[in-house]
C-alpha cells in the first residue's frame, strides 16, 4: 500500500446503515419499558445483542430497585428484564 492511501473499513457503510434501520424511536421504547416496569427512567442506551439492535432502558422503581429492560429496536418487543444488583 502506498503511503498516501487510507485504509477504509469495508463494512463501514453497511454498519452506518445498520444503525439507521431501527423502526421504533426512543420515546416508544421508553413507553414499552415503563408498561412492564413502572418507575423513573435513569438512562437509555442503544446496543447490539445477538445481532439485534436494542434499546437498554434502566429504570428505578418506587421501592428503589433498578431494572434494565432490553427492547428490540425494530419491533418494540421486550426481550429481557433484569434486576440490577448494586
PDB file of N, CA and C in Angstrom:
ATOM      1  N   UNK A   1       0.851  -1.178   0.000  1.00  0.00           N
ATOM      2  CA  UNK A   1       0.000   0.000   0.000  1.00  0.00           C
ATOM      3  C   UNK A   1       0.893   1.236   0.000  1.00  0.00           C
ATOM      4  N   UNK A   2       0.538   2.222  -0.772  1.00  0.00           N
ATOM      5  CA  UNK A   2       1.299   3.462  -0.834  1.00  0.00           C
ATOM      6  C   UNK A   2       1.030   4.296   0.409  1.00  0.00           C
ATOM      7  N   UNK A   3       1.983   5.170   0.742  1.00  0.00           N
ATOM      8  CA  UNK A   3       1.879   5.981   1.953  1.00  0.00           C
ATOM      9  C   UNK A   3       0.676   6.912   1.957  1.00  0.00           C
ATOM     10  N   UNK A   4       0.248   7.377   0.780  1.00  0.00           N
ATOM     11  CA  UNK A   4      -0.854   8.337   0.742  1.00  0.00           C
ATOM     12  C   UNK A   4      -2.232   7.683   0.676  1.00  0.00           C
ATOM     13  N   UNK A   5      -2.291   6.363   0.697  1.00  0.00           N
ATOM     14  CA  UNK A   5      -3.579   5.667   0.675  1.00  0.00           C
ATOM     15  C   UNK A   5      -4.107   5.517   2.096  1.00  0.00           C
ATOM     16  N   UNK A   6      -5.404   5.613   2.232  1.00  0.00           N
ATOM     17  CA  UNK A   6      -6.053   5.469   3.532  1.00  0.00           C
ATOM     18  C   UNK A   6      -6.776   4.139   3.556  1.00  0.00           C
ATOM     19  N   UNK A   7      -6.559   3.385   4.621  1.00  0.00           N
ATOM     20  CA  UNK A   7      -7.246   2.105   4.786  1.00  0.00           C
ATOM     21  C   UNK A   7      -8.678   2.389   5.237  1.00  0.00           C
ATOM     22  N   UNK A   8      -9.647   1.940   4.477  1.00  0.00           N
ATOM     23  CA  UNK A   8     -11.058   2.171   4.789  1.00  0.00           C
ATOM     24  C   UNK A   8     -11.704   0.840   5.133  1.00  0.00           C
ATOM     25  N   UNK A   9     -12.452   0.860   6.206  1.00  0.00           N
ATOM     26  CA  UNK A   9     -13.169  -0.340   6.638  1.00  0.00           C
ATOM     27  C   UNK A   9     -14.168  -0.740   5.558  1.00  0.00           C
ATOM     28  N   UNK A  10     -14.096  -1.981   5.063  1.00  0.00           N
ATOM     29  CA  UNK A  10     -15.018  -2.389   4.002  1.00  0.00           C
ATOM     30  C   UNK A  10     -16.467  -2.496   4.464  1.00  0.00           C
ATOM     31  N   UNK A  11     -16.691  -2.539   5.769  1.00  0.00           N
ATOM     32  CA  UNK A  11     -18.042  -2.705   6.293  1.00  0.00           C
ATOM     33  C   UNK A  11     -18.613  -1.419   6.884  1.00  0.00           C
ATOM     34  N   UNK A  12     -17.869  -0.306   6.796  1.00  0.00           N
ATOM     35  CA  UNK A  12     -18.314   0.934   7.447  1.00  0.00           C
ATOM     36  C   UNK A  12     -19.666   1.415   6.938  1.00  0.00           C
ATOM     37  N   UNK A  13     -19.870   1.443   5.638  1.00  0.00           N
ATOM     38  CA  UNK A  13     -21.165   1.890   5.100  1.00  0.00           C
ATOM     39  C   UNK A  13     -22.284   0.964   5.531  1.00  0.00           C
ATOM     40  N   UNK A  14     -22.021  -0.325   5.544  1.00  0.00           N
ATOM     41  CA  UNK A  14     -23.011  -1.300   5.999  1.00  0.00           C
ATOM     42  C   UNK A  14     -23.362  -1.037   7.458  1.00  0.00           C
ATOM     43  N   UNK A  15     -22.351  -0.805   8.288  1.00  0.00           N
ATOM     44  CA  UNK A  15     -22.569  -0.563   9.718  1.00  0.00           C
ATOM     45  C   UNK A  15     -23.379   0.708   9.928  1.00  0.00           C
ATOM     46  N   UNK A  16     -23.033   1.791   9.211  1.00  0.00           N
ATOM     47  CA  UNK A  16     -23.785   3.040   9.333  1.00  0.00           C
ATOM     48  C   UNK A  16     -25.255   2.829   8.993  1.00  0.00           C
ATOM     49  N   UNK A  17     -25.526   2.096   7.926  1.00  0.00           N
ATOM     50  CA  UNK A  17     -26.897   1.808   7.533  1.00  0.00           C
ATOM     51  C   UNK A  17     -27.620   0.966   8.564  1.00  0.00           C
ATOM     52  N   UNK A  18     -26.909   0.028   9.173  1.00  0.00           N
ATOM     53  CA  UNK A  18     -27.499  -0.849  10.185  1.00  0.00           C
ATOM     54  C   UNK A  18     -28.025  -0.030  11.356  1.00  0.00           C
ATOM     55  N   UNK A  19     -27.238   0.932  11.815  1.00  0.00           N
ATOM     56  CA  UNK A  19     -27.652   1.740  12.954  1.00  0.00           C
ATOM     57  C   UNK A  19     -28.851   2.617  12.630  1.00  0.00           C
ATOM     58  N   UNK A  20     -29.075   2.920  11.372  1.00  0.00           N
ATOM     59  CA  UNK A  20     -30.195   3.788  10.991  1.00  0.00           C
ATOM     60  C   UNK A  20     -31.474   3.009  10.700  1.00  0.00           C
ATOM     61  N   UNK A  21     -31.430   1.702  10.818  1.00  0.00           N
ATOM     62  CA  UNK A  21     -32.573   0.890  10.423  1.00  0.00           C
ATOM     63  C   UNK A  21     -33.592   0.653  11.531  1.00  0.00           C
ATOM     64  N   UNK A  22     -33.338   1.117  12.727  1.00  0.00           N
ATOM     65  CA  UNK A  22     -34.294   0.821  13.785  1.00  0.00           C
ATOM     66  C   UNK A  22     -35.645   1.446  13.463  1.00  0.00           C
ATOM     67  N   UNK A  23     -36.698   0.759  13.882  1.00  0.00           N
ATOM     68  CA  UNK A  23     -38.056   1.132  13.489  1.00  0.00           C
ATOM     69  C   UNK A  23     -38.820   1.909  14.565  1.00  0.00           C
ATOM     70  N   UNK A  24     -38.474   1.699  15.819  1.00  0.00           N
ATOM     71  CA  UNK A  24     -39.188   2.437  16.862  1.00  0.00           C
ATOM     72  C   UNK A  24     -38.248   3.502  17.423  1.00  0.00           C
ATOM     73  N   UNK A  25     -38.829   4.611  17.843  1.00  0.00           N
ATOM     74  CA  UNK A  25     -37.993   5.678  18.388  1.00  0.00           C
ATOM     75  C   UNK A  25     -37.785   5.473  19.888  1.00  0.00           C
ATOM     76  N   UNK A  26     -36.948   6.304  20.452  1.00  0.00           N
ATOM     77  CA  UNK A  26     -36.599   6.179  21.865  1.00  0.00           C
ATOM     78  C   UNK A  26     -37.823   6.329  22.755  1.00  0.00           C
ATOM     79  N   UNK A  27     -38.692   7.270  22.434  1.00  0.00           N
ATOM     80  CA  UNK A  27     -39.880   7.508  23.258  1.00  0.00           C
ATOM     81  C   UNK A  27     -40.788   6.274  23.306  1.00  0.00           C
ATOM     82  N   UNK A  28     -40.969   5.610  22.179  1.00  0.00           N
ATOM     83  CA  UNK A  28     -41.786   4.391  22.144  1.00  0.00           C
ATOM     84  C   UNK A  28     -41.135   3.290  22.965  1.00  0.00           C
ATOM     85  N   UNK A  29     -39.826   3.163  22.860  1.00  0.00           N
ATOM     86  CA  UNK A  29     -39.110   2.152  23.646  1.00  0.00           C
ATOM     87  C   UNK A  29     -39.284   2.414  25.142  1.00  0.00           C
ATOM     88  N   UNK A  30     -39.192   3.679  25.539  1.00  0.00           N
ATOM     89  CA  UNK A  30     -39.371   4.034  26.949  1.00  0.00           C
ATOM     90  C   UNK A  30     -40.786   3.703  27.411  1.00  0.00           C
ATOM     91  N   UNK A  31     -41.793   4.032  26.613  1.00  0.00           N
ATOM     92  CA  UNK A  31     -43.182   3.727  26.976  1.00  0.00           C
ATOM     93  C   UNK A  31     -43.379   2.224  27.160  1.00  0.00           C
ATOM     94  N   UNK A  32     -42.818   1.427  26.251  1.00  0.00           N
ATOM     95  CA  UNK A  32     -42.933  -0.030  26.358  1.00  0.00           C
ATOM     96  C   UNK A  32     -42.281  -0.529  27.640  1.00  0.00           C
ATOM     97  N   UNK A  33     -41.104   0.003  27.950  1.00  0.00           N
ATOM     98  CA  UNK A  33     -40.386  -0.421  29.153  1.00  0.00           C
ATOM     99  C   UNK A  33     -41.155  -0.049  30.415  1.00  0.00           C
ATOM    100  N   UNK A  34     -41.710   1.159  30.444  1.00  0.00           N
ATOM    101  CA  UNK A  34     -42.439   1.614  31.632  1.00  0.00           C
ATOM    102  C   UNK A  34     -43.747   0.860  31.843  1.00  0.00           C
ATOM    103  N   UNK A  35     -44.322   0.310  30.787  1.00  0.00           N
ATOM    104  CA  UNK A  35     -45.513  -0.528  30.950  1.00  0.00           C
ATOM    105  C   UNK A  35     -45.163  -1.804  31.707  1.00  0.00           C
ATOM    106  N   UNK A  36     -43.965  -2.320  31.487  1.00  0.00           N
ATOM    107  CA  UNK A  36     -43.524  -3.539  32.167  1.00  0.00           C
ATOM    108  C   UNK A  36     -42.967  -3.239  33.555  1.00  0.00           C
ATOM    109  N   UNK A  37     -42.158  -2.175  33.658  1.00  0.00           N
ATOM    110  CA  UNK A  37     -41.517  -1.809  34.925  1.00  0.00           C
ATOM    111  C   UNK A  37     -41.783  -0.323  35.180  1.00  0.00           C
ATOM    112  N   UNK A  38     -42.841  -0.007  35.923  1.00  0.00           N
ATOM    113  CA  UNK A  38     -43.131   1.396  36.215  1.00  0.00           C
ATOM    114  C   UNK A  38     -42.038   2.001  37.100  1.00  0.00           C
ATOM    115  N   UNK A  39     -41.713   3.251  36.849  1.00  0.00           N
ATOM    116  CA  UNK A  39     -40.704   3.930  37.660  1.00  0.00           C
ATOM    117  C   UNK A  39     -40.112   5.108  36.920  1.00  0.00           C
ATOM    118  N   UNK A  40     -38.908   5.492  37.335  1.00  0.00           N
ATOM    119  CA  UNK A  40     -38.199   6.631  36.758  1.00  0.00           C
ATOM    120  C   UNK A  40     -37.091   6.115  35.839  1.00  0.00           C
ATOM    121  N   UNK A  41     -37.076   6.607  34.606  1.00  0.00           N
ATOM    122  CA  UNK A  41     -36.035   6.215  33.657  1.00  0.00           C
ATOM    123  C   UNK A  41     -34.738   6.912  34.055  1.00  0.00           C
ATOM    124  N   UNK A  42     -33.691   6.115  34.246  1.00  0.00           N
ATOM    125  CA  UNK A  42     -32.385   6.653  34.618  1.00  0.00           C
ATOM    126  C   UNK A  42     -31.526   6.941  33.398  1.00  0.00           C
ATOM    127  N   UNK A  43     -31.549   6.016  32.434  1.00  0.00           N
ATOM    128  CA  UNK A  43     -30.790   6.226  31.198  1.00  0.00           C
ATOM    129  C   UNK A  43     -31.272   5.262  30.131  1.00  0.00           C
ATOM    130  N   UNK A  44     -30.996   5.638  28.884  1.00  0.00           N
ATOM    131  CA  UNK A  44     -31.350   4.822  27.722  1.00  0.00           C
ATOM    132  C   UNK A  44     -30.101   4.695  26.862  1.00  0.00           C
ATOM    133  N   UNK A  45     -29.783   3.467  26.456  1.00  0.00           N
ATOM    134  CA  UNK A  45     -28.629   3.207  25.599  1.00  0.00           C
ATOM    135  C   UNK A  45     -29.070   2.364  24.422  1.00  0.00           C
ATOM    136  N   UNK A  46     -28.314   2.442  23.338  1.00  0.00           N
ATOM    137  CA  UNK A  46     -28.518   1.531  22.211  1.00  0.00           C
ATOM    138  C   UNK A  46     -27.313   0.617  22.147  1.00  0.00           C
ATOM    139  N   UNK A  47     -27.571  -0.656  21.810  1.00  0.00           N
ATOM    140  CA  UNK A  47     -26.505  -1.646  21.764  1.00  0.00           C
ATOM    141  C   UNK A  47     -26.887  -2.707  20.746  1.00  0.00           C
ATOM    142  N   UNK A  48     -25.959  -3.587  20.452  1.00  0.00           N
ATOM    143  CA  UNK A  48     -26.229  -4.747  19.608  1.00  0.00           C
ATOM    144  C   UNK A  48     -26.056  -5.985  20.471  1.00  0.00           C
ATOM    145  N   UNK A  49     -27.093  -6.798  20.554  1.00  0.00           N
ATOM    146  CA  UNK A  49     -27.052  -8.052  21.303  1.00  0.00           C
ATOM    147  C   UNK A  49     -27.516  -9.169  20.392  1.00  0.00           C
ATOM    148  N   UNK A  50     -26.686 -10.181  20.259  1.00  0.00           N
ATOM    149  CA  UNK A  50     -27.005 -11.338  19.407  1.00  0.00           C
ATOM    150  C   UNK A  50     -27.426 -10.904  18.009  1.00  0.00           C
ATOM    151  N   UNK A  51     -26.774  -9.877  17.486  1.00  0.00           N
ATOM    152  CA  UNK A  51     -27.058  -9.414  16.134  1.00  0.00           C
ATOM    153  C   UNK A  51     -28.261  -8.499  16.009  1.00  0.00           C
ATOM    154  N   UNK A  52     -28.922  -8.186  17.125  1.00  0.00           N
ATOM    155  CA  UNK A  52     -30.093  -7.305  17.102  1.00  0.00           C
ATOM    156  C   UNK A  52     -29.744  -5.945  17.678  1.00  0.00           C
ATOM    157  N   UNK A  53     -30.245  -4.904  17.055  1.00  0.00           N
ATOM    158  CA  UNK A  53     -30.121  -3.569  17.611  1.00  0.00           C
ATOM    159  C   UNK A  53     -31.179  -3.427  18.699  1.00  0.00           C
ATOM    160  N   UNK A  54     -30.755  -3.054  19.911  1.00  0.00           N
ATOM    161  CA  UNK A  54     -31.672  -2.993  21.043  1.00  0.00           C
ATOM    162  C   UNK A  54     -31.515  -1.682  21.800  1.00  0.00           C
ATOM    163  N   UNK A  55     -32.589  -1.319  22.484  1.00  0.00           N
ATOM    164  CA  UNK A  55     -32.548  -0.263  23.484  1.00  0.00           C
ATOM    165  C   UNK A  55     -32.361  -0.946  24.829  1.00  0.00           C
ATOM    166  N   UNK A  56     -31.493  -0.395  25.666  1.00  0.00           N
ATOM    167  CA  UNK A  56     -31.348  -0.837  27.047  1.00  0.00           C
ATOM    168  C   UNK A  56     -31.809   0.325  27.915  1.00  0.00           C
ATOM    169  N   UNK A  57     -32.916   0.115  28.610  1.00  0.00           N
ATOM    170  CA  UNK A  57     -33.528   1.184  29.391  1.00  0.00           C
ATOM    171  C   UNK A  57     -33.417   0.830  30.866  1.00  0.00           C
ATOM    172  N   UNK A  58     -32.769   1.711  31.620  1.00  0.00           N
ATOM    173  CA  UNK A  58     -32.555   1.495  33.045  1.00  0.00           C
ATOM    174  C   UNK A  58     -33.604   2.295  33.805  1.00  0.00           C
ATOM    175  N   UNK A  59     -34.344   1.591  34.686  1.00  0.00           N
ATOM    176  CA  UNK A  59     -35.471   2.192  35.399  1.00  0.00           C
ATOM    177  C   UNK A  59     -35.328   1.929  36.892  1.00  0.00           C
ATOM    178  N   UNK A  60     -35.564   2.975  37.705  1.00  0.00           N
ATOM    179  CA  UNK A  60     -35.611   2.817  39.164  1.00  0.00           C
ATOM    180  C   UNK A  60     -37.080   2.806  39.580  1.00  0.00           C
ATOM    181  N   UNK A  61     -37.483   1.749  40.293  1.00  0.00           N
ATOM    182  CA  UNK A  61     -38.863   1.626  40.755  1.00  0.00           C
ATOM    183  C   UNK A  61     -39.064   2.452  42.023  1.00  0.00           C
ATOM    184  N   UNK A  62     -40.316   2.569  42.460  1.00  0.00           N
ATOM    185  CA  UNK A  62     -40.623   3.356  43.659  1.00  0.00           C
ATOM    186  C   UNK A  62     -39.999   2.760  44.914  1.00  0.00           C
ATOM    187  N   UNK A  63     -39.701   1.452  44.907  1.00  0.00           N
ATOM    188  CA  UNK A  63     -39.061   0.839  46.072  1.00  0.00           C
ATOM    189  C   UNK A  63     -37.534   0.840  45.963  1.00  0.00           C
ATOM    190  N   UNK A  64     -36.988   1.561  44.962  1.00  0.00           N
ATOM    191  CA  UNK A  64     -35.546   1.735  44.852  1.00  0.00           C
ATOM    192  C   UNK A  64     -34.796   0.692  44.050  1.00  0.00           C
ATOM    193  N   UNK A  65     -35.499  -0.313  43.540  1.00  0.00           N
ATOM    194  CA  UNK A  65     -34.836  -1.338  42.726  1.00  0.00           C
ATOM    195  C   UNK A  65     -34.571  -0.773  41.330  1.00  0.00           C
ATOM    196  N   UNK A  66     -33.453  -1.189  40.730  1.00  0.00           N
ATOM    197  CA  UNK A  66     -33.105  -0.746  39.383  1.00  0.00           C
ATOM    198  C   UNK A  66     -33.181  -1.940  38.444  1.00  0.00           C
ATOM    199  N   UNK A  67     -33.871  -1.744  37.337  1.00  0.00           N
ATOM    200  CA  UNK A  67     -34.035  -2.789  36.327  1.00  0.00           C
ATOM    201  C   UNK A  67     -33.496  -2.300  34.994  1.00  0.00           C
ATOM    202  N   UNK A  68     -32.970  -3.239  34.209  1.00  0.00           N
ATOM    203  CA  UNK A  68     -32.592  -2.958  32.826  1.00  0.00           C
ATOM    204  C   UNK A  68     -33.573  -3.700  31.934  1.00  0.00           C
ATOM    205  N   UNK A  69     -34.304  -2.957  31.125  1.00  0.00           N
ATOM    206  CA  UNK A  69     -35.271  -3.535  30.197  1.00  0.00           C
ATOM    207  C   UNK A  69     -34.660  -3.451  28.799  1.00  0.00           C
ATOM    208  N   UNK A  70     -34.523  -4.603  28.149  1.00  0.00           N
ATOM    209  CA  UNK A  70     -33.945  -4.667  26.807  1.00  0.00           C
ATOM    210  C   UNK A  70     -35.075  -4.796  25.801  1.00  0.00           C
ATOM    211  N   UNK A  71     -35.099  -3.883  24.826  1.00  0.00           N
ATOM    212  CA  UNK A  71     -36.183  -3.819  23.849  1.00  0.00           C
ATOM    213  C   UNK A  71     -35.618  -3.889  22.444  1.00  0.00           C
ATOM    214  N   UNK A  72     -36.215  -4.738  21.607  1.00  0.00           N
ATOM    215  CA  UNK A  72     -35.833  -4.843  20.201  1.00  0.00           C
ATOM    216  C   UNK A  72     -36.158  -3.516  19.518  1.00  0.00           C
ATOM    217  N   UNK A  73     -35.143  -2.868  18.940  1.00  0.00           N
ATOM    218  CA  UNK A  73     -35.336  -1.556  18.321  1.00  0.00           C
ATOM    219  C   UNK A  73     -36.107  -1.638  17.013  1.00  0.00           C
ATOM    220  N   UNK A  74     -36.280  -2.820  16.479  1.00  0.00           N
ATOM    221  CA  UNK A  74     -37.029  -2.992  15.236  1.00  0.00           C
ATOM    222  C   UNK A  74     -38.517  -3.207  15.508  1.00  0.00           C
ATOM    223  N   UNK A  75     -38.827  -4.032  16.506  1.00  0.00           N
ATOM    224  CA  UNK A  75     -40.218  -4.417  16.747  1.00  0.00           C
ATOM    225  C   UNK A  75     -40.847  -3.772  17.975  1.00  0.00           C
ATOM    226  N   UNK A  76     -40.021  -3.315  18.923  1.00  0.00           N
ATOM    227  CA  UNK A  76     -40.541  -2.788  20.177  1.00  0.00           C
ATOM    228  C   UNK A  76     -40.803  -3.863  21.209  1.00  0.00           C
ATOM    229  N   UNK A  77     -40.519  -5.111  20.870  1.00  0.00           N
ATOM    230  CA  UNK A  77     -40.743  -6.236  21.784  1.00  0.00           C
ATOM    231  C   UNK A  77     -39.759  -6.181  22.945  1.00  0.00           C
ATOM    232  N   UNK A  78     -40.269  -6.451  24.149  1.00  0.00           N
ATOM    233  CA  UNK A  78     -39.404  -6.550  25.319  1.00  0.00           C
ATOM    234  C   UNK A  78     -38.729  -7.913  25.275  1.00  0.00           C
ATOM    235  N   UNK A  79     -37.406  -7.896  25.217  1.00  0.00           N
ATOM    236  CA  UNK A  79     -36.639  -9.131  25.102  1.00  0.00           C
ATOM    237  C   UNK A  79     -36.203  -9.671  26.452  1.00  0.00           C
ATOM    238  N   UNK A  80     -35.959  -8.756  27.394  1.00  0.00           N
ATOM    239  CA  UNK A  80     -35.416  -9.191  28.676  1.00  0.00           C
ATOM    240  C   UNK A  80     -35.632  -8.106  29.717  1.00  0.00           C
ATOM    241  N   UNK A  81     -35.865  -8.538  30.963  1.00  0.00           N
ATOM    242  CA  UNK A  81     -35.937  -7.625  32.094  1.00  0.00           C
ATOM    243  C   UNK A  81     -35.015  -8.185  33.165  1.00  0.00           C
ATOM    244  N   UNK A  82     -33.986  -7.413  33.513  1.00  0.00           N
ATOM    245  CA  UNK A  82     -33.010  -7.853  34.513  1.00  0.00           C
ATOM    246  C   UNK A  82     -32.978  -6.876  35.667  1.00  0.00           C
ATOM    247  N   UNK A  83     -33.004  -7.414  36.879  1.00  0.00           N
ATOM    248  CA  UNK A  83     -32.805  -6.567  38.052  1.00  0.00           C
ATOM    249  C   UNK A  83     -31.309  -6.350  38.215  1.00  0.00           C
ATOM    250  N   UNK A  84     -30.923  -5.107  38.398  1.00  0.00           N
ATOM    251  CA  UNK A  84     -29.510  -4.766  38.556  1.00  0.00           C
ATOM    252  C   UNK A  84     -29.154  -4.815  40.034  1.00  0.00           C
ATOM    253  N   UNK A  85     -28.122  -5.560  40.349  1.00  0.00           N
ATOM    254  CA  UNK A  85     -27.649  -5.637  41.732  1.00  0.00           C
ATOM    255  C   UNK A  85     -26.572  -4.591  41.953  1.00  0.00           C
ATOM    256  N   UNK A  86     -26.576  -3.999  43.134  1.00  0.00           N
ATOM    257  CA  UNK A  86     -25.559  -2.973  43.451  1.00  0.00           C
ATOM    258  C   UNK A  86     -24.212  -3.591  43.680  1.00  0.00           C
TER     259      UNK A  86
END
